[in-house]
Amino acid sequence: MRLFAAVIPPQAAVDELAAEVAQLRAALPERRGRLRWTDPATWHFTLAFLGEVDEALLPELGEGLARAAHRHPAHELRFAGGGRFGDRILWVGATGSLETLAGLARSTAGAVRQAGVRMDGARPFHPHLTLARVAGHVSLRPYAEELAGFRGRRWRVEHLELMRSHLAGGGSGARGGGERPRYETVAAWPLGTRRAS
């Protein structure tokens, strides 16, 4: 199964950001098919991307992720600002307890490796939520500039979640048609809470 570990924002924060994105899209209409906007129902902050994982590793992985969640307290974030990775991905960032979030990401990656899951490369953690991907040639600069001043409401990060990704078309890396990936929660652990012994 294809897995990633994530922080999922609460619905009120998602709704607020979705309204901002709707205004952004109205202010800067793109040519049809140039940008693929992500579905608000899938919005998340990725802490670690695991890729394909053998189900036999899930018990040990779950134990490790529970310990990682225990090490870090619940904390506050808010969506803030925006940016782009070249002209490929448009994202919204975060402000708040970013050191705590980064620590959670490091602990999560450590738990994943300790469970025997190979992770590709060690990229520095950059908290962002992907809003759109480019499906043609379009400059993302005006979109990022419009998002620069956005500051959403505060919300609490209270859980670490292990998510399963169902790719569009059911294939590995399929991107055709209008289908989008679906995500489902495999397990979740509260932050800063001791596990029952």
N, C-alpha and C. Protein backbone atom coordinates (compact mmCIF):
# COMPACT_ATOMS: atom_id res chain seq x y z
N MET A 1 0.83 -1.18 0.00
CA MET A 1 0.00 0.00 0.00
C MET A 1 0.88 1.24 0.00
N ARG A 2 0.39 2.28 -0.64
CA ARG A 2 1.13 3.53 -0.79
C ARG A 2 0.77 4.44 0.38
N LEU A 3 1.76 4.81 1.21
CA LEU A 3 1.50 5.50 2.46
C LEU A 3 2.28 6.80 2.60
N PHE A 4 1.75 7.70 3.43
CA PHE A 4 2.48 8.88 3.88
C PHE A 4 1.97 9.24 5.26
N ALA A 5 2.80 9.94 6.02
CA ALA A 5 2.41 10.42 7.34
C ALA A 5 2.14 11.90 7.22
N ALA A 6 1.10 12.36 7.91
CA ALA A 6 0.66 13.74 7.68
C ALA A 6 -0.02 14.35 8.89
N VAL A 7 -0.16 15.66 8.81
CA VAL A 7 -1.01 16.44 9.70
C VAL A 7 -2.18 16.91 8.84
N ILE A 8 -3.39 16.66 9.32
CA ILE A 8 -4.60 17.03 8.58
C ILE A 8 -5.23 18.25 9.26
N PRO A 9 -5.41 19.36 8.54
CA PRO A 9 -6.03 20.54 9.16
C PRO A 9 -7.51 20.32 9.43
N PRO A 10 -8.06 21.02 10.43
CA PRO A 10 -9.50 20.89 10.72
C PRO A 10 -10.34 21.54 9.63
N GLN A 11 -11.61 21.14 9.59
CA GLN A 11 -12.49 21.59 8.52
C GLN A 11 -12.64 23.11 8.46
N ALA A 12 -12.71 23.78 9.62
CA ALA A 12 -12.88 25.23 9.62
C ALA A 12 -11.70 25.92 8.92
N ALA A 13 -10.48 25.43 9.16
CA ALA A 13 -9.30 26.01 8.51
C ALA A 13 -9.31 25.69 7.01
N VAL A 14 -9.73 24.49 6.66
CA VAL A 14 -9.83 24.11 5.25
C VAL A 14 -10.84 25.00 4.53
N ASP A 15 -11.99 25.22 5.16
CA ASP A 15 -13.03 26.05 4.53
C ASP A 15 -12.53 27.47 4.30
N GLU A 16 -11.81 28.01 5.29
CA GLU A 16 -11.29 29.36 5.17
C GLU A 16 -10.28 29.45 4.03
N LEU A 17 -9.39 28.47 3.94
CA LEU A 17 -8.41 28.45 2.86
C LEU A 17 -9.08 28.23 1.51
N ALA A 18 -10.09 27.38 1.46
CA ALA A 18 -10.81 27.13 0.21
C ALA A 18 -11.46 28.42 -0.31
N ALA A 19 -11.98 29.24 0.60
CA ALA A 19 -12.57 30.52 0.19
C ALA A 19 -11.50 31.44 -0.37
N GLU A 20 -10.31 31.43 0.24
CA GLU A 20 -9.20 32.25 -0.28
C GLU A 20 -8.77 31.77 -1.66
N VAL A 21 -8.72 30.46 -1.85
CA VAL A 21 -8.34 29.91 -3.15
C VAL A 21 -9.39 30.25 -4.20
N ALA A 22 -10.67 30.22 -3.83
CA ALA A 22 -11.73 30.59 -4.78
C ALA A 22 -11.56 32.04 -5.23
N GLN A 23 -11.22 32.93 -4.28
CA GLN A 23 -10.98 34.33 -4.65
C GLN A 23 -9.76 34.47 -5.55
N LEU A 24 -8.72 33.69 -5.25
CA LEU A 24 -7.50 33.71 -6.05
C LEU A 24 -7.80 33.28 -7.48
N ARG A 25 -8.57 32.23 -7.63
CA ARG A 25 -8.89 31.71 -8.95
C ARG A 25 -9.76 32.68 -9.73
N ALA A 26 -10.64 33.39 -9.03
CA ALA A 26 -11.49 34.39 -9.70
C ALA A 26 -10.66 35.60 -10.14
N ALA A 27 -9.67 35.97 -9.32
CA ALA A 27 -8.83 37.14 -9.64
C ALA A 27 -7.84 36.84 -10.76
N LEU A 28 -7.39 35.59 -10.83
CA LEU A 28 -6.38 35.20 -11.82
C LEU A 28 -6.85 33.98 -12.60
N PRO A 29 -7.86 34.14 -13.43
CA PRO A 29 -8.35 32.97 -14.16
C PRO A 29 -7.29 32.44 -15.12
N GLU A 30 -7.08 31.13 -15.06
CA GLU A 30 -6.09 30.53 -15.96
C GLU A 30 -6.80 29.93 -17.17
N ARG A 31 -6.02 29.66 -18.20
CA ARG A 31 -6.60 28.98 -19.35
C ARG A 31 -6.96 27.57 -18.94
N ARG A 32 -8.02 27.09 -19.51
CA ARG A 32 -8.53 25.77 -19.14
C ARG A 32 -7.43 24.71 -19.23
N GLY A 33 -7.32 23.92 -18.18
CA GLY A 33 -6.40 22.78 -18.18
C GLY A 33 -4.97 23.11 -17.84
N ARG A 34 -4.64 24.39 -17.60
CA ARG A 34 -3.26 24.74 -17.33
C ARG A 34 -2.85 24.43 -15.89
N LEU A 35 -3.77 24.59 -14.95
CA LEU A 35 -3.49 24.28 -13.55
C LEU A 35 -4.44 23.18 -13.09
N ARG A 36 -3.90 22.24 -12.33
CA ARG A 36 -4.75 21.21 -11.71
C ARG A 36 -4.82 21.55 -10.23
N TRP A 37 -5.97 22.03 -9.79
CA TRP A 37 -6.15 22.44 -8.40
C TRP A 37 -6.45 21.21 -7.55
N THR A 38 -5.85 21.15 -6.38
CA THR A 38 -6.07 20.01 -5.50
C THR A 38 -7.42 20.15 -4.80
N ASP A 39 -7.98 19.03 -4.44
CA ASP A 39 -9.28 18.97 -3.78
C ASP A 39 -9.10 19.30 -2.30
N PRO A 40 -9.84 20.27 -1.76
CA PRO A 40 -9.71 20.59 -0.33
C PRO A 40 -9.88 19.38 0.59
N ALA A 41 -10.63 18.37 0.14
CA ALA A 41 -10.82 17.17 0.96
C ALA A 41 -9.51 16.39 1.14
N THR A 42 -8.51 16.69 0.32
CA THR A 42 -7.23 15.96 0.41
C THR A 42 -6.11 16.81 1.01
N TRP A 43 -6.40 18.03 1.45
CA TRP A 43 -5.36 18.92 1.91
C TRP A 43 -4.70 18.41 3.19
N HIS A 44 -3.38 18.50 3.22
CA HIS A 44 -2.61 18.01 4.37
C HIS A 44 -1.19 18.57 4.32
N PHE A 45 -0.49 18.46 5.44
CA PHE A 45 0.95 18.71 5.49
C PHE A 45 1.63 17.35 5.56
N THR A 46 2.41 17.01 4.55
CA THR A 46 3.14 15.74 4.56
C THR A 46 4.33 15.85 5.51
N LEU A 47 4.43 14.91 6.43
CA LEU A 47 5.58 14.83 7.34
C LEU A 47 6.62 13.85 6.82
N ALA A 48 6.16 12.78 6.19
CA ALA A 48 7.07 11.78 5.61
C ALA A 48 6.32 11.02 4.54
N PHE A 49 6.95 10.88 3.37
CA PHE A 49 6.37 10.08 2.30
C PHE A 49 7.03 8.71 2.32
N LEU A 50 6.22 7.67 2.49
CA LEU A 50 6.75 6.32 2.64
C LEU A 50 6.77 5.56 1.32
N GLY A 51 5.88 5.89 0.41
CA GLY A 51 5.76 5.13 -0.83
C GLY A 51 5.10 3.80 -0.58
N GLU A 52 5.45 2.80 -1.39
CA GLU A 52 4.84 1.47 -1.25
C GLU A 52 5.40 0.76 -0.02
N VAL A 53 4.52 0.30 0.84
CA VAL A 53 4.92 -0.34 2.10
C VAL A 53 4.25 -1.71 2.22
N ASP A 54 5.03 -2.70 2.57
CA ASP A 54 4.51 -4.04 2.80
C ASP A 54 3.64 -4.02 4.05
N GLU A 55 2.45 -4.60 3.96
CA GLU A 55 1.53 -4.60 5.10
C GLU A 55 2.13 -5.28 6.33
N ALA A 56 3.07 -6.19 6.12
CA ALA A 56 3.70 -6.88 7.25
C ALA A 56 4.46 -5.91 8.15
N LEU A 57 4.84 -4.75 7.62
CA LEU A 57 5.58 -3.76 8.41
C LEU A 57 4.68 -2.85 9.24
N LEU A 58 3.36 -2.91 9.02
CA LEU A 58 2.45 -1.98 9.67
C LEU A 58 2.47 -2.03 11.20
N PRO A 59 2.51 -3.21 11.84
CA PRO A 59 2.53 -3.20 13.31
C PRO A 59 3.74 -2.46 13.89
N GLU A 60 4.93 -2.76 13.38
CA GLU A 60 6.13 -2.08 13.88
C GLU A 60 6.10 -0.59 13.51
N LEU A 61 5.63 -0.29 12.33
CA LEU A 61 5.52 1.10 11.91
C LEU A 61 4.56 1.87 12.83
N GLY A 62 3.44 1.25 13.15
CA GLY A 62 2.47 1.88 14.04
C GLY A 62 3.05 2.15 15.42
N GLU A 63 3.80 1.19 15.95
CA GLU A 63 4.45 1.39 17.26
C GLU A 63 5.40 2.58 17.22
N GLY A 64 6.20 2.64 16.16
CA GLY A 64 7.16 3.74 16.04
C GLY A 64 6.48 5.09 15.89
N LEU A 65 5.41 5.14 15.11
CA LEU A 65 4.71 6.40 14.92
C LEU A 65 3.99 6.84 16.20
N ALA A 66 3.49 5.88 16.96
CA ALA A 66 2.87 6.21 18.25
C ALA A 66 3.90 6.85 19.18
N ARG A 67 5.12 6.29 19.20
CA ARG A 67 6.19 6.88 20.03
C ARG A 67 6.56 8.28 19.53
N ALA A 68 6.62 8.45 18.21
CA ALA A 68 6.94 9.76 17.64
C ALA A 68 5.89 10.79 18.05
N ALA A 69 4.62 10.41 17.98
CA ALA A 69 3.54 11.33 18.36
C ALA A 69 3.64 11.70 19.84
N HIS A 70 3.99 10.73 20.67
CA HIS A 70 4.10 10.97 22.11
C HIS A 70 5.17 12.00 22.45
N ARG A 71 6.23 12.05 21.66
CA ARG A 71 7.36 12.94 21.95
C ARG A 71 7.07 14.42 21.72
N HIS A 72 6.00 14.73 21.04
CA HIS A 72 5.75 16.12 20.64
C HIS A 72 4.37 16.58 21.10
N PRO A 73 4.29 17.77 21.67
CA PRO A 73 3.00 18.24 22.17
C PRO A 73 2.08 18.72 21.04
N ALA A 74 0.79 18.77 21.37
CA ALA A 74 -0.14 19.44 20.46
C ALA A 74 0.32 20.90 20.35
N HIS A 75 0.12 21.50 19.20
CA HIS A 75 0.62 22.85 18.98
C HIS A 75 -0.25 23.58 17.96
N GLU A 76 -0.04 24.89 17.87
CA GLU A 76 -0.86 25.71 16.98
C GLU A 76 -0.13 26.04 15.67
N LEU A 77 -0.92 26.06 14.61
CA LEU A 77 -0.46 26.50 13.30
C LEU A 77 -1.52 27.40 12.71
N ARG A 78 -1.16 28.08 11.65
CA ARG A 78 -2.14 28.76 10.82
C ARG A 78 -1.58 28.77 9.40
N PHE A 79 -2.47 28.70 8.42
CA PHE A 79 -2.03 28.84 7.04
C PHE A 79 -1.57 30.28 6.85
N ALA A 80 -0.44 30.44 6.18
CA ALA A 80 0.10 31.79 6.00
C ALA A 80 0.99 31.84 4.78
N GLY A 81 0.77 32.87 3.96
CA GLY A 81 1.63 33.09 2.81
C GLY A 81 1.49 32.02 1.76
N GLY A 82 2.30 32.13 0.77
CA GLY A 82 2.26 31.15 -0.32
C GLY A 82 3.56 31.19 -1.08
N GLY A 83 3.74 30.24 -1.92
CA GLY A 83 4.95 30.18 -2.72
C GLY A 83 4.80 29.17 -3.83
N ARG A 84 5.92 28.90 -4.47
CA ARG A 84 5.89 27.98 -5.60
C ARG A 84 7.21 27.23 -5.65
N PHE A 85 7.15 26.03 -6.15
CA PHE A 85 8.36 25.27 -6.46
C PHE A 85 8.52 25.40 -7.97
N GLY A 86 9.36 26.35 -8.38
CA GLY A 86 9.51 26.66 -9.79
C GLY A 86 8.16 27.08 -10.34
N ASP A 87 7.84 26.60 -11.52
CA ASP A 87 6.49 26.79 -12.06
C ASP A 87 5.82 25.43 -12.19
N ARG A 88 6.01 24.62 -11.14
CA ARG A 88 5.41 23.28 -11.13
C ARG A 88 4.31 23.15 -10.08
N ILE A 89 4.56 23.73 -8.87
CA ILE A 89 3.63 23.54 -7.76
C ILE A 89 3.39 24.86 -7.05
N LEU A 90 2.12 25.15 -6.79
CA LEU A 90 1.72 26.31 -6.00
C LEU A 90 1.33 25.81 -4.62
N TRP A 91 1.82 26.49 -3.57
CA TRP A 91 1.52 26.01 -2.21
C TRP A 91 1.21 27.16 -1.28
N VAL A 92 0.56 26.81 -0.18
CA VAL A 92 0.36 27.74 0.92
C VAL A 92 1.23 27.24 2.07
N GLY A 93 1.81 28.18 2.80
CA GLY A 93 2.70 27.82 3.90
C GLY A 93 2.00 27.86 5.24
N ALA A 94 2.80 27.90 6.29
CA ALA A 94 2.27 27.91 7.64
C ALA A 94 3.13 28.79 8.52
N THR A 95 2.53 29.25 9.60
CA THR A 95 3.26 29.93 10.65
C THR A 95 2.72 29.40 11.98
N GLY A 96 3.44 29.67 13.05
CA GLY A 96 3.05 29.14 14.35
C GLY A 96 4.18 28.33 14.93
N SER A 97 3.86 27.18 15.51
CA SER A 97 4.85 26.33 16.17
C SER A 97 5.60 25.46 15.16
N LEU A 98 6.32 26.11 14.26
CA LEU A 98 6.99 25.37 13.18
C LEU A 98 8.13 24.51 13.67
N GLU A 99 8.80 24.91 14.75
CA GLU A 99 9.87 24.07 15.30
C GLU A 99 9.31 22.76 15.83
N THR A 100 8.15 22.82 16.48
CA THR A 100 7.51 21.60 16.98
C THR A 100 7.08 20.72 15.81
N LEU A 101 6.52 21.34 14.78
CA LEU A 101 6.09 20.58 13.60
C LEU A 101 7.30 19.93 12.93
N ALA A 102 8.41 20.67 12.81
CA ALA A 102 9.62 20.11 12.20
C ALA A 102 10.17 18.96 13.05
N GLY A 103 10.11 19.10 14.36
CA GLY A 103 10.54 18.01 15.23
C GLY A 103 9.68 16.77 15.06
N LEU A 104 8.38 16.97 14.91
CA LEU A 104 7.47 15.86 14.66
C LEU A 104 7.81 15.19 13.33
N ALA A 105 8.13 15.99 12.31
CA ALA A 105 8.51 15.42 11.01
C ALA A 105 9.78 14.59 11.13
N ARG A 106 10.78 15.09 11.89
CA ARG A 106 12.03 14.33 12.06
C ARG A 106 11.77 13.01 12.80
N SER A 107 10.98 13.07 13.86
CA SER A 107 10.68 11.86 14.62
C SER A 107 9.89 10.86 13.78
N THR A 108 9.00 11.38 12.96
CA THR A 108 8.20 10.52 12.08
C THR A 108 9.11 9.81 11.07
N ALA A 109 10.00 10.56 10.45
CA ALA A 109 10.92 9.96 9.47
C ALA A 109 11.81 8.92 10.15
N GLY A 110 12.27 9.21 11.37
CA GLY A 110 13.09 8.25 12.10
C GLY A 110 12.32 6.96 12.39
N ALA A 111 11.05 7.09 12.79
CA ALA A 111 10.22 5.92 13.08
C ALA A 111 9.99 5.09 11.82
N VAL A 112 9.81 5.77 10.71
CA VAL A 112 9.60 5.07 9.43
C VAL A 112 10.84 4.26 9.06
N ARG A 113 12.01 4.89 9.15
CA ARG A 113 13.25 4.16 8.82
C ARG A 113 13.50 3.01 9.79
N GLN A 114 13.23 3.24 11.07
CA GLN A 114 13.45 2.19 12.07
C GLN A 114 12.55 0.99 11.84
N ALA A 115 11.38 1.22 11.26
CA ALA A 115 10.47 0.12 10.96
C ALA A 115 10.88 -0.65 9.71
N GLY A 116 11.94 -0.20 9.05
CA GLY A 116 12.44 -0.90 7.88
C GLY A 116 11.87 -0.40 6.56
N VAL A 117 11.24 0.78 6.57
CA VAL A 117 10.70 1.35 5.34
C VAL A 117 11.76 2.26 4.75
N ARG A 118 12.12 2.02 3.49
CA ARG A 118 13.11 2.86 2.82
C ARG A 118 12.45 4.12 2.31
N MET A 119 13.04 5.25 2.67
CA MET A 119 12.53 6.53 2.19
C MET A 119 13.53 7.10 1.19
N ASP A 120 12.99 7.66 0.10
CA ASP A 120 13.86 8.25 -0.93
C ASP A 120 14.46 9.56 -0.43
N GLY A 121 15.77 9.65 -0.46
CA GLY A 121 16.47 10.90 -0.17
C GLY A 121 16.06 11.57 1.13
N ALA A 122 16.89 12.41 1.66
CA ALA A 122 16.60 13.16 2.88
C ALA A 122 16.46 14.62 2.53
N ARG A 123 15.25 15.01 2.18
CA ARG A 123 15.00 16.42 1.87
C ARG A 123 14.71 17.17 3.17
N PRO A 124 15.15 18.41 3.25
CA PRO A 124 14.79 19.19 4.44
C PRO A 124 13.28 19.39 4.49
N PHE A 125 12.72 19.36 5.69
CA PHE A 125 11.28 19.53 5.87
C PHE A 125 10.89 20.97 5.55
N HIS A 126 9.92 21.14 4.68
CA HIS A 126 9.42 22.47 4.31
C HIS A 126 7.90 22.41 4.42
N PRO A 127 7.33 22.90 5.54
CA PRO A 127 5.88 22.76 5.69
C PRO A 127 5.12 23.53 4.62
N HIS A 128 4.36 22.82 3.84
CA HIS A 128 3.55 23.43 2.79
C HIS A 128 2.39 22.52 2.46
N LEU A 129 1.35 23.11 1.95
CA LEU A 129 0.18 22.38 1.51
C LEU A 129 0.01 22.70 0.02
N THR A 130 0.04 21.69 -0.81
CA THR A 130 -0.05 21.88 -2.26
C THR A 130 -1.45 22.29 -2.67
N LEU A 131 -1.54 23.42 -3.36
CA LEU A 131 -2.82 23.93 -3.84
C LEU A 131 -3.07 23.59 -5.31
N ALA A 132 -2.01 23.61 -6.11
CA ALA A 132 -2.18 23.35 -7.55
C ALA A 132 -0.87 22.85 -8.14
N ARG A 133 -1.03 22.07 -9.21
CA ARG A 133 0.12 21.60 -10.00
C ARG A 133 -0.07 22.09 -11.43
N VAL A 134 1.01 22.40 -12.07
CA VAL A 134 0.93 22.90 -13.44
C VAL A 134 0.76 21.74 -14.41
N ALA A 135 -0.21 21.87 -15.30
CA ALA A 135 -0.45 20.85 -16.32
C ALA A 135 -0.11 21.40 -17.70
N GLY A 136 0.54 22.52 -17.77
CA GLY A 136 0.94 23.14 -19.02
C GLY A 136 1.94 24.23 -18.68
N HIS A 137 2.11 25.17 -19.58
CA HIS A 137 3.04 26.26 -19.29
C HIS A 137 2.26 27.45 -18.74
N VAL A 138 2.52 27.77 -17.48
CA VAL A 138 1.88 28.93 -16.85
C VAL A 138 2.80 29.42 -15.74
N SER A 139 2.89 30.72 -15.57
CA SER A 139 3.71 31.28 -14.49
C SER A 139 2.90 31.26 -13.20
N LEU A 140 3.49 30.69 -12.16
CA LEU A 140 2.84 30.66 -10.86
C LEU A 140 3.15 31.90 -10.02
N ARG A 141 4.04 32.75 -10.51
CA ARG A 141 4.44 33.93 -9.73
C ARG A 141 3.24 34.79 -9.29
N PRO A 142 2.30 35.15 -10.19
CA PRO A 142 1.20 36.00 -9.73
C PRO A 142 0.33 35.32 -8.67
N TYR A 143 0.18 34.01 -8.76
CA TYR A 143 -0.61 33.27 -7.77
C TYR A 143 0.08 33.31 -6.40
N ALA A 144 1.40 33.06 -6.40
CA ALA A 144 2.17 33.10 -5.16
C ALA A 144 2.15 34.50 -4.56
N GLU A 145 2.25 35.52 -5.40
CA GLU A 145 2.23 36.90 -4.92
C GLU A 145 0.88 37.24 -4.28
N GLU A 146 -0.20 36.76 -4.87
CA GLU A 146 -1.53 37.00 -4.30
C GLU A 146 -1.69 36.33 -2.94
N LEU A 147 -1.06 35.18 -2.77
CA LEU A 147 -1.17 34.44 -1.50
C LEU A 147 -0.25 35.00 -0.41
N ALA A 148 0.71 35.82 -0.79
CA ALA A 148 1.75 36.25 0.15
C ALA A 148 1.20 36.86 1.44
N GLY A 149 0.12 37.61 1.34
CA GLY A 149 -0.42 38.28 2.52
C GLY A 149 -1.47 37.49 3.28
N PHE A 150 -1.78 36.28 2.82
CA PHE A 150 -2.85 35.50 3.46
C PHE A 150 -2.42 35.02 4.84
N ARG A 151 -3.29 35.20 5.82
CA ARG A 151 -3.10 34.68 7.17
C ARG A 151 -4.43 34.08 7.62
N GLY A 152 -4.44 32.78 7.81
CA GLY A 152 -5.67 32.11 8.22
C GLY A 152 -5.83 32.08 9.73
N ARG A 153 -6.90 31.48 10.16
CA ARG A 153 -7.16 31.33 11.59
C ARG A 153 -6.20 30.33 12.22
N ARG A 154 -5.99 30.45 13.52
CA ARG A 154 -5.15 29.48 14.23
C ARG A 154 -5.91 28.17 14.40
N TRP A 155 -5.18 27.08 14.33
CA TRP A 155 -5.77 25.77 14.59
C TRP A 155 -4.74 24.88 15.26
N ARG A 156 -5.23 23.87 15.98
CA ARG A 156 -4.35 22.99 16.75
C ARG A 156 -4.03 21.71 16.00
N VAL A 157 -2.76 21.39 15.99
CA VAL A 157 -2.30 20.10 15.49
C VAL A 157 -2.36 19.15 16.68
N GLU A 158 -3.22 18.16 16.60
CA GLU A 158 -3.43 17.27 17.74
C GLU A 158 -3.13 15.81 17.43
N HIS A 159 -2.96 15.47 16.15
CA HIS A 159 -2.74 14.08 15.77
C HIS A 159 -1.68 13.95 14.68
N LEU A 160 -1.01 12.84 14.70
CA LEU A 160 -0.16 12.36 13.61
C LEU A 160 -0.98 11.28 12.91
N GLU A 161 -1.12 11.37 11.60
CA GLU A 161 -1.95 10.41 10.87
C GLU A 161 -1.14 9.67 9.82
N LEU A 162 -1.39 8.38 9.73
CA LEU A 162 -0.82 7.55 8.66
C LEU A 162 -1.89 7.42 7.61
N MET A 163 -1.57 7.88 6.39
CA MET A 163 -2.55 7.94 5.31
C MET A 163 -2.20 6.97 4.19
N ARG A 164 -3.25 6.43 3.59
CA ARG A 164 -3.08 5.60 2.40
C ARG A 164 -3.54 6.40 1.19
N SER A 165 -2.76 6.35 0.14
CA SER A 165 -3.06 7.07 -1.09
C SER A 165 -3.56 6.09 -2.14
N HIS A 166 -4.73 6.38 -2.70
CA HIS A 166 -5.28 5.62 -3.82
C HIS A 166 -5.13 6.52 -5.03
N LEU A 167 -4.22 6.16 -5.93
CA LEU A 167 -3.93 7.02 -7.07
C LEU A 167 -5.03 7.00 -8.10
N ALA A 168 -5.13 8.09 -8.84
CA ALA A 168 -6.13 8.22 -9.91
C ALA A 168 -5.97 7.08 -10.90
N GLY A 169 -7.07 6.51 -11.33
CA GLY A 169 -7.05 5.44 -12.32
C GLY A 169 -6.61 4.11 -11.75
N GLY A 170 -6.30 4.07 -10.43
CA GLY A 170 -5.92 2.84 -9.79
C GLY A 170 -4.52 2.38 -10.09
N GLY A 171 -3.78 3.15 -10.92
CA GLY A 171 -2.44 2.74 -11.29
C GLY A 171 -1.39 3.49 -10.52
N SER A 172 -0.16 3.07 -10.73
CA SER A 172 0.96 3.73 -10.08
C SER A 172 1.35 4.95 -10.88
N GLY A 173 1.06 6.14 -10.30
CA GLY A 173 1.43 7.38 -10.96
C GLY A 173 0.46 7.84 -12.04
N ALA A 174 -0.72 7.22 -12.11
CA ALA A 174 -1.69 7.63 -13.13
C ALA A 174 -2.16 9.04 -12.87
N ARG A 175 -2.27 9.81 -13.94
CA ARG A 175 -2.71 11.19 -13.79
C ARG A 175 -3.75 11.57 -14.84
N GLY A 176 -4.21 10.60 -15.56
CA GLY A 176 -5.10 10.93 -16.66
C GLY A 176 -6.50 11.26 -16.23
N GLY A 177 -7.30 11.69 -17.21
CA GLY A 177 -8.71 12.00 -16.96
C GLY A 177 -8.87 13.07 -15.90
N GLY A 178 -10.08 13.16 -15.35
CA GLY A 178 -10.35 14.13 -14.31
C GLY A 178 -10.22 13.53 -12.92
N GLU A 179 -9.78 12.27 -12.85
CA GLU A 179 -9.69 11.61 -11.55
C GLU A 179 -8.56 12.19 -10.71
N ARG A 180 -8.79 12.20 -9.42
CA ARG A 180 -7.78 12.70 -8.48
C ARG A 180 -7.51 11.62 -7.45
N PRO A 181 -6.35 11.69 -6.79
CA PRO A 181 -6.08 10.68 -5.77
C PRO A 181 -7.04 10.81 -4.59
N ARG A 182 -7.30 9.69 -3.95
CA ARG A 182 -8.11 9.67 -2.73
C ARG A 182 -7.19 9.26 -1.59
N TYR A 183 -7.43 9.81 -0.41
CA TYR A 183 -6.64 9.46 0.76
C TYR A 183 -7.56 8.93 1.85
N GLU A 184 -7.07 7.94 2.56
CA GLU A 184 -7.83 7.43 3.71
C GLU A 184 -6.88 7.28 4.89
N THR A 185 -7.40 7.53 6.08
CA THR A 185 -6.60 7.40 7.29
C THR A 185 -6.49 5.92 7.66
N VAL A 186 -5.26 5.44 7.79
CA VAL A 186 -5.02 4.06 8.22
C VAL A 186 -5.00 4.00 9.74
N ALA A 187 -4.35 4.98 10.37
CA ALA A 187 -4.28 5.07 11.83
C ALA A 187 -3.91 6.49 12.21
N ALA A 188 -4.24 6.87 13.45
CA ALA A 188 -3.90 8.21 13.95
C ALA A 188 -3.51 8.10 15.41
N TRP A 189 -2.57 8.94 15.83
CA TRP A 189 -2.08 8.94 17.21
C TRP A 189 -2.11 10.36 17.75
N PRO A 190 -2.66 10.54 18.97
CA PRO A 190 -2.67 11.89 19.55
C PRO A 190 -1.27 12.32 19.93
N LEU A 191 -1.01 13.60 19.77
CA LEU A 191 0.31 14.13 20.14
C LEU A 191 0.40 14.30 21.65
N GLY A 192 1.61 14.04 22.17
CA GLY A 192 1.89 14.29 23.57
C GLY A 192 1.15 13.41 24.55
N THR A 193 0.57 12.33 24.09
CA THR A 193 -0.20 11.45 24.97
C THR A 193 0.51 10.12 25.11
N ARG A 194 0.70 9.70 26.34
CA ARG A 194 1.35 8.41 26.57
C ARG A 194 0.46 7.27 26.11
N ARG A 195 1.09 6.30 25.51
CA ARG A 195 0.35 5.11 25.10
C ARG A 195 0.02 4.27 26.32
N ALA A 196 -1.10 3.61 26.24
CA ALA A 196 -1.45 2.69 27.34
C ALA A 196 -0.48 1.53 27.35
N SER A 197 -0.06 1.09 28.55
CA SER A 197 0.90 -0.02 28.60
C SER A 197 0.21 -1.35 28.82
